[in-house]
């Protein structure tokens, strides 16, 4: 549940989200990867 959802009581719309084109790296915890897997995953920032 998002803070907006808790405050207004309805699910927020994400229709206005746009791709910035800014690369981001998300860390993958040790428990979800094997020894030779990469430690992060490339993503694109939305906003």
N, C-alpha and C. Protein backbone atom coordinates (compact mmCIF):
# COMPACT_ATOMS: atom_id res chain seq x y z
N UNK A 1 0.84 -1.17 0.00
CA UNK A 1 0.00 0.00 0.00
C UNK A 1 0.89 1.25 0.00
N UNK A 2 0.58 2.17 -0.85
CA UNK A 2 1.33 3.42 -0.93
C UNK A 2 0.76 4.44 0.05
N UNK A 3 1.53 5.47 0.42
CA UNK A 3 1.00 6.51 1.30
C UNK A 3 -0.23 7.20 0.70
N UNK A 4 -0.23 7.41 -0.61
CA UNK A 4 -1.38 8.03 -1.29
C UNK A 4 -2.63 7.17 -1.13
N UNK A 5 -2.45 5.86 -1.24
CA UNK A 5 -3.57 4.92 -1.09
C UNK A 5 -4.14 4.96 0.33
N UNK A 6 -3.26 5.02 1.32
CA UNK A 6 -3.69 5.06 2.71
C UNK A 6 -4.43 6.36 3.02
N UNK A 7 -3.98 7.45 2.44
CA UNK A 7 -4.57 8.77 2.73
C UNK A 7 -5.91 8.97 2.03
N UNK A 8 -5.96 8.63 0.72
CA UNK A 8 -7.17 8.91 -0.05
C UNK A 8 -8.15 7.73 -0.09
N UNK A 9 -7.67 6.52 0.17
CA UNK A 9 -8.54 5.36 0.14
C UNK A 9 -8.72 4.76 -1.24
N UNK A 10 -8.00 5.27 -2.24
CA UNK A 10 -8.09 4.70 -3.59
C UNK A 10 -6.69 4.55 -4.18
N UNK A 11 -6.58 3.67 -5.15
CA UNK A 11 -5.29 3.39 -5.78
C UNK A 11 -4.89 4.55 -6.69
N UNK A 12 -3.63 5.04 -6.60
CA UNK A 12 -3.22 6.16 -7.44
C UNK A 12 -3.03 5.75 -8.90
N UNK A 13 -3.26 6.68 -9.80
CA UNK A 13 -3.08 6.44 -11.23
C UNK A 13 -1.61 6.62 -11.61
N UNK A 14 -1.13 5.78 -12.51
CA UNK A 14 0.25 5.92 -12.99
C UNK A 14 0.28 6.27 -14.48
N UNK A 15 -0.84 6.77 -15.00
CA UNK A 15 -0.91 7.13 -16.42
C UNK A 15 0.00 8.28 -16.79
N UNK A 16 0.33 9.14 -15.82
CA UNK A 16 1.15 10.30 -16.10
C UNK A 16 2.65 10.02 -16.00
N UNK A 17 3.05 8.80 -15.65
CA UNK A 17 4.47 8.45 -15.56
C UNK A 17 5.12 8.53 -16.93
N UNK A 18 6.35 9.00 -16.97
CA UNK A 18 7.12 9.08 -18.20
C UNK A 18 8.51 8.48 -17.95
N UNK A 19 9.15 8.01 -19.00
CA UNK A 19 10.51 7.48 -18.91
C UNK A 19 11.47 8.65 -19.02
N UNK A 20 12.35 8.81 -18.02
CA UNK A 20 13.34 9.87 -18.04
C UNK A 20 14.52 9.51 -18.94
N UNK A 21 14.78 8.22 -19.10
CA UNK A 21 15.94 7.79 -19.86
C UNK A 21 17.18 7.70 -18.98
N UNK A 22 17.00 7.83 -17.69
CA UNK A 22 18.11 7.78 -16.75
C UNK A 22 18.29 6.33 -16.28
N UNK A 23 19.47 5.79 -16.48
CA UNK A 23 19.74 4.41 -16.05
C UNK A 23 19.89 4.34 -14.54
N UNK A 24 19.40 3.29 -13.96
CA UNK A 24 19.53 3.04 -12.53
C UNK A 24 19.97 1.59 -12.34
N UNK A 25 20.62 1.31 -11.24
CA UNK A 25 21.05 -0.05 -10.92
C UNK A 25 20.39 -0.48 -9.62
N UNK A 26 19.70 -1.62 -9.67
CA UNK A 26 19.02 -2.16 -8.49
C UNK A 26 19.85 -3.30 -7.93
N UNK A 27 20.12 -3.24 -6.62
CA UNK A 27 20.92 -4.28 -5.96
C UNK A 27 20.10 -5.55 -5.81
N UNK A 28 20.73 -6.69 -6.10
CA UNK A 28 20.11 -8.00 -5.92
C UNK A 28 20.73 -8.64 -4.67
N UNK A 29 19.94 -8.94 -3.65
CA UNK A 29 20.49 -9.51 -2.41
C UNK A 29 21.15 -10.87 -2.63
N UNK A 30 22.05 -11.22 -1.73
CA UNK A 30 22.77 -12.50 -1.82
C UNK A 30 21.82 -13.69 -1.90
N UNK A 31 20.71 -13.62 -1.20
CA UNK A 31 19.79 -14.75 -1.15
C UNK A 31 19.07 -15.00 -2.48
N UNK A 32 19.06 -14.01 -3.37
CA UNK A 32 18.34 -14.15 -4.64
C UNK A 32 19.27 -14.33 -5.84
N UNK A 33 20.56 -14.50 -5.60
CA UNK A 33 21.48 -14.72 -6.71
C UNK A 33 22.48 -15.82 -6.37
N UNK A 34 23.07 -16.37 -7.41
CA UNK A 34 24.08 -17.42 -7.24
C UNK A 34 25.46 -16.78 -7.27
N UNK A 35 26.48 -17.59 -7.09
CA UNK A 35 27.84 -17.09 -6.94
C UNK A 35 28.32 -16.27 -8.13
N UNK A 36 28.00 -16.69 -9.34
CA UNK A 36 28.52 -16.00 -10.53
C UNK A 36 27.52 -15.03 -11.15
N UNK A 37 26.35 -14.85 -10.55
CA UNK A 37 25.37 -13.89 -11.05
C UNK A 37 25.82 -12.46 -10.72
N UNK A 38 25.34 -11.50 -11.49
CA UNK A 38 25.69 -10.11 -11.22
C UNK A 38 25.00 -9.62 -9.96
N UNK A 39 25.59 -8.60 -9.32
CA UNK A 39 25.07 -8.09 -8.05
C UNK A 39 24.01 -7.02 -8.25
N UNK A 40 23.83 -6.56 -9.48
CA UNK A 40 22.81 -5.54 -9.74
C UNK A 40 22.14 -5.78 -11.08
N UNK A 41 21.01 -5.09 -11.27
CA UNK A 41 20.25 -5.20 -12.50
C UNK A 41 20.02 -3.79 -13.04
N UNK A 42 20.23 -3.60 -14.35
CA UNK A 42 20.01 -2.29 -14.95
C UNK A 42 18.53 -2.04 -15.14
N UNK A 43 18.09 -0.84 -14.79
CA UNK A 43 16.69 -0.43 -14.93
C UNK A 43 16.64 0.99 -15.48
N UNK A 44 15.44 1.47 -15.77
CA UNK A 44 15.24 2.84 -16.24
C UNK A 44 14.35 3.55 -15.22
N UNK A 45 14.75 4.77 -14.84
CA UNK A 45 14.00 5.55 -13.85
C UNK A 45 12.72 6.09 -14.44
N UNK A 46 11.61 5.90 -13.72
CA UNK A 46 10.31 6.45 -14.13
C UNK A 46 9.93 7.57 -13.19
N UNK A 47 9.12 8.50 -13.68
CA UNK A 47 8.68 9.57 -12.79
C UNK A 47 7.61 10.42 -13.41
